[in-house]
Amino acid sequence: MLRIVSCLLALLAATYGLARAGGSAPADEYFGPFHESILGVRNDLAKLERDNDEELVHHIVGMNNIEITLEDWYHHYPRDPWLRGFTSRLIRIYARANAIGQDRCMRAERLAEAVHR
């Protein structure tokens, strides 16, 4: 009996791991050191997109935090379809802030390349 229960638990754990690695991230999961949810990232990107270009220069740290969150999200859910759009939006915001070529933006570009494969 113990052997059957052990096998069932191992199968359940393996199934959970495969489902988690292959699908979309749940909306109530948090990523990065600031524990941002997908909805939080979406809201942060929308706010930055509404800012004018001059204001964006002052929000580079916030953009960097979003990027760190997206990297962690990609680490857990590399096939999440939302990642493509979010990374593209972040790169456009970096471009509006004249941050293209800076280390952080280059990391975002590498992340976008990985997501778009």
C-alpha atoms as a PDB file:
ATOM      1  CA  MET A   1       0.000   0.000   0.000  1.00  0.00           C
ATOM      2  CA  LEU A   2       2.798   2.393   0.893  1.00  0.00           C
ATOM      3  CA  ARG A   3       4.437   1.642  -2.443  1.00  0.00           C
ATOM      4  CA  ILE A   4       1.248   2.554  -4.348  1.00  0.00           C
ATOM      5  CA  VAL A   5       0.852   5.818  -2.443  1.00  0.00           C
ATOM      6  CA  SER A   6       4.497   6.683  -3.094  1.00  0.00           C
ATOM      7  CA  CYS A   7       4.070   6.008  -6.820  1.00  0.00           C
ATOM      8  CA  LEU A   8       0.915   8.132  -6.954  1.00  0.00           C
ATOM      9  CA  LEU A   9       2.621  11.017  -5.162  1.00  0.00           C
ATOM     10  CA  ALA A  10       5.608  10.811  -7.519  1.00  0.00           C
ATOM     11  CA  LEU A  11       3.279  10.823 -10.539  1.00  0.00           C
ATOM     12  CA  LEU A  12       1.357  13.783  -9.152  1.00  0.00           C
ATOM     13  CA  ALA A  13       4.572  15.732  -8.539  1.00  0.00           C
ATOM     14  CA  ALA A  14       5.870  14.981 -12.039  1.00  0.00           C
ATOM     15  CA  THR A  15       2.562  15.988 -13.634  1.00  0.00           C
ATOM     16  CA  TYR A  16       2.517  19.251 -11.667  1.00  0.00           C
ATOM     17  CA  GLY A  17       6.092  20.014 -12.715  1.00  0.00           C
ATOM     18  CA  LEU A  18       5.349  19.411 -16.401  1.00  0.00           C
ATOM     19  CA  ALA A  19       2.187  21.509 -16.327  1.00  0.00           C
ATOM     20  CA  ARG A  20       3.986  24.312 -14.539  1.00  0.00           C
ATOM     21  CA  ALA A  21       6.962  24.370 -16.921  1.00  0.00           C
ATOM     22  CA  GLY A  22       4.918  24.258 -20.100  1.00  0.00           C
ATOM     23  CA  GLY A  23       2.000  26.605 -19.602  1.00  0.00           C
ATOM     24  CA  SER A  24       0.986  30.057 -18.645  1.00  0.00           C
ATOM     25  CA  ALA A  25       1.794  31.527 -15.290  1.00  0.00           C
ATOM     26  CA  PRO A  26      -1.188  31.825 -12.951  1.00  0.00           C
ATOM     27  CA  ALA A  27      -2.343  35.367 -12.249  1.00  0.00           C
ATOM     28  CA  ASP A  28      -1.849  34.903  -8.515  1.00  0.00           C
ATOM     29  CA  GLU A  29       1.814  33.887  -8.705  1.00  0.00           C
ATOM     30  CA  TYR A  30       4.496  36.438  -7.830  1.00  0.00           C
ATOM     31  CA  PHE A  31       7.892  36.896  -9.451  1.00  0.00           C
ATOM     32  CA  GLY A  32      11.166  38.651  -8.785  1.00  0.00           C
ATOM     33  CA  PRO A  33      12.519  40.185  -5.594  1.00  0.00           C
ATOM     34  CA  PHE A  34       9.566  42.597  -5.371  1.00  0.00           C
ATOM     35  CA  HIS A  35       6.991  39.787  -5.714  1.00  0.00           C
ATOM     36  CA  GLU A  36       5.155  41.265  -8.695  1.00  0.00           C
ATOM     37  CA  SER A  37       2.151  39.494 -10.167  1.00  0.00           C
ATOM     38  CA  ILE A  38       1.405  39.345 -13.875  1.00  0.00           C
ATOM     39  CA  LEU A  39      -1.312  41.927 -13.364  1.00  0.00           C
ATOM     40  CA  GLY A  40       1.095  44.153 -11.461  1.00  0.00           C
ATOM     41  CA  VAL A  41       3.595  43.990 -14.334  1.00  0.00           C
ATOM     42  CA  ARG A  42       0.840  44.785 -16.818  1.00  0.00           C
ATOM     43  CA  ASN A  43      -0.244  47.790 -14.750  1.00  0.00           C
ATOM     44  CA  ASP A  44       3.349  49.014 -14.368  1.00  0.00           C
ATOM     45  CA  LEU A  45       3.930  48.785 -18.125  1.00  0.00           C
ATOM     46  CA  ALA A  46       0.658  50.611 -18.847  1.00  0.00           C
ATOM     47  CA  LYS A  47       1.626  53.427 -16.476  1.00  0.00           C
ATOM     48  CA  LEU A  48       5.051  53.803 -18.091  1.00  0.00           C
ATOM     49  CA  GLU A  49       3.462  53.797 -21.554  1.00  0.00           C
ATOM     50  CA  ARG A  50       1.242  56.710 -20.511  1.00  0.00           C
ATOM     51  CA  ASP A  51       4.204  58.771 -19.253  1.00  0.00           C
ATOM     52  CA  ASN A  52       5.806  61.227 -21.622  1.00  0.00           C
ATOM     53  CA  ASP A  53       9.338  60.545 -22.843  1.00  0.00           C
ATOM     54  CA  GLU A  54      10.973  63.086 -20.499  1.00  0.00           C
ATOM     55  CA  GLU A  55       9.381  61.490 -17.440  1.00  0.00           C
ATOM     56  CA  LEU A  56      10.592  58.028 -18.448  1.00  0.00           C
ATOM     57  CA  VAL A  57      14.213  58.994 -17.817  1.00  0.00           C
ATOM     58  CA  HIS A  58      13.326  59.184 -14.129  1.00  0.00           C
ATOM     59  CA  HIS A  59      11.744  55.721 -14.162  1.00  0.00           C
ATOM     60  CA  ILE A  60      14.733  53.655 -15.320  1.00  0.00           C
ATOM     61  CA  VAL A  61      14.948  51.911 -11.936  1.00  0.00           C
ATOM     62  CA  GLY A  62      11.277  50.932 -12.228  1.00  0.00           C
ATOM     63  CA  MET A  63      11.913  49.575 -15.723  1.00  0.00           C
ATOM     64  CA  ASN A  64      14.859  47.594 -14.384  1.00  0.00           C
ATOM     65  CA  ASN A  65      12.631  46.110 -11.682  1.00  0.00           C
ATOM     66  CA  ILE A  66      10.094  45.068 -14.315  1.00  0.00           C
ATOM     67  CA  GLU A  67      12.866  43.436 -16.301  1.00  0.00           C
ATOM     68  CA  ILE A  68      14.083  41.463 -13.276  1.00  0.00           C
ATOM     69  CA  THR A  69      10.506  40.311 -12.713  1.00  0.00           C
ATOM     70  CA  LEU A  70      10.147  39.255 -16.363  1.00  0.00           C
ATOM     71  CA  GLU A  71      13.411  37.286 -16.154  1.00  0.00           C
ATOM     72  CA  ASP A  72      12.154  35.410 -13.100  1.00  0.00           C
ATOM     73  CA  TRP A  73       8.797  34.814 -14.787  1.00  0.00           C
ATOM     74  CA  TYR A  74      10.613  33.433 -17.860  1.00  0.00           C
ATOM     75  CA  HIS A  75      12.696  31.175 -15.607  1.00  0.00           C
ATOM     76  CA  HIS A  76       9.517  29.561 -14.233  1.00  0.00           C
ATOM     77  CA  TYR A  77       7.268  29.717 -17.323  1.00  0.00           C
ATOM     78  CA  PRO A  78       9.416  29.992 -20.466  1.00  0.00           C
ATOM     79  CA  ARG A  79       6.499  29.249 -22.810  1.00  0.00           C
ATOM     80  CA  ASP A  80       4.050  31.739 -21.345  1.00  0.00           C
ATOM     81  CA  PRO A  81       2.501  33.590 -24.301  1.00  0.00           C
ATOM     82  CA  TRP A  82       2.187  36.848 -22.330  1.00  0.00           C
ATOM     83  CA  LEU A  83       5.972  37.174 -22.038  1.00  0.00           C
ATOM     84  CA  ARG A  84       6.432  38.090 -25.712  1.00  0.00           C
ATOM     85  CA  GLY A  85       4.202  41.119 -25.541  1.00  0.00           C
ATOM     86  CA  PHE A  86       5.455  42.258 -22.164  1.00  0.00           C
ATOM     87  CA  THR A  87       9.130  42.097 -23.156  1.00  0.00           C
ATOM     88  CA  SER A  88       8.404  43.927 -26.421  1.00  0.00           C
ATOM     89  CA  ARG A  89       6.531  46.634 -24.537  1.00  0.00           C
ATOM     90  CA  LEU A  90       9.397  47.022 -22.069  1.00  0.00           C
ATOM     91  CA  ILE A  91      11.956  47.414 -24.864  1.00  0.00           C
ATOM     92  CA  ARG A  92       9.798  50.086 -26.536  1.00  0.00           C
ATOM     93  CA  ILE A  93       9.635  51.936 -23.214  1.00  0.00           C
ATOM     94  CA  TYR A  94      13.430  51.688 -22.822  1.00  0.00           C
ATOM     95  CA  ALA A  95      13.748  53.121 -26.347  1.00  0.00           C
ATOM     96  CA  ARG A  96      11.472  56.045 -25.503  1.00  0.00           C
ATOM     97  CA  ALA A  97      13.661  56.713 -22.443  1.00  0.00           C
ATOM     98  CA  ASN A  98      16.777  56.707 -24.670  1.00  0.00           C
ATOM     99  CA  ALA A  99      18.120  53.737 -22.726  1.00  0.00           C
ATOM    100  CA  ILE A 100      18.894  51.520 -25.720  1.00  0.00           C
ATOM    101  CA  GLY A 101      22.453  50.267 -25.388  1.00  0.00           C
ATOM    102  CA  GLN A 102      22.500  50.432 -21.597  1.00  0.00           C
ATOM    103  CA  ASP A 103      23.257  47.180 -19.803  1.00  0.00           C
ATOM    104  CA  ARG A 104      19.732  46.658 -18.488  1.00  0.00           C
ATOM    105  CA  CYS A 105      18.105  47.289 -21.852  1.00  0.00           C
ATOM    106  CA  MET A 106      20.525  44.892 -23.497  1.00  0.00           C
ATOM    107  CA  ARG A 107      19.477  42.237 -20.970  1.00  0.00           C
ATOM    108  CA  ALA A 108      15.842  42.914 -21.859  1.00  0.00           C
ATOM    109  CA  GLU A 109      16.687  42.489 -25.534  1.00  0.00           C
ATOM    110  CA  ARG A 110      18.357  39.127 -24.829  1.00  0.00           C
ATOM    111  CA  LEU A 111      15.299  38.076 -22.853  1.00  0.00           C
ATOM    112  CA  ALA A 112      13.053  39.087 -25.766  1.00  0.00           C
ATOM    113  CA  GLU A 113      15.167  37.001 -28.145  1.00  0.00           C
ATOM    114  CA  ALA A 114      14.831  33.982 -25.845  1.00  0.00           C
ATOM    115  CA  VAL A 115      11.073  34.466 -25.499  1.00  0.00           C
ATOM    116  CA  HIS A 116      10.576  34.812 -29.259  1.00  0.00           C
ATOM    117  CA  ARG A 117      12.325  31.498 -30.065  1.00  0.00           C
END
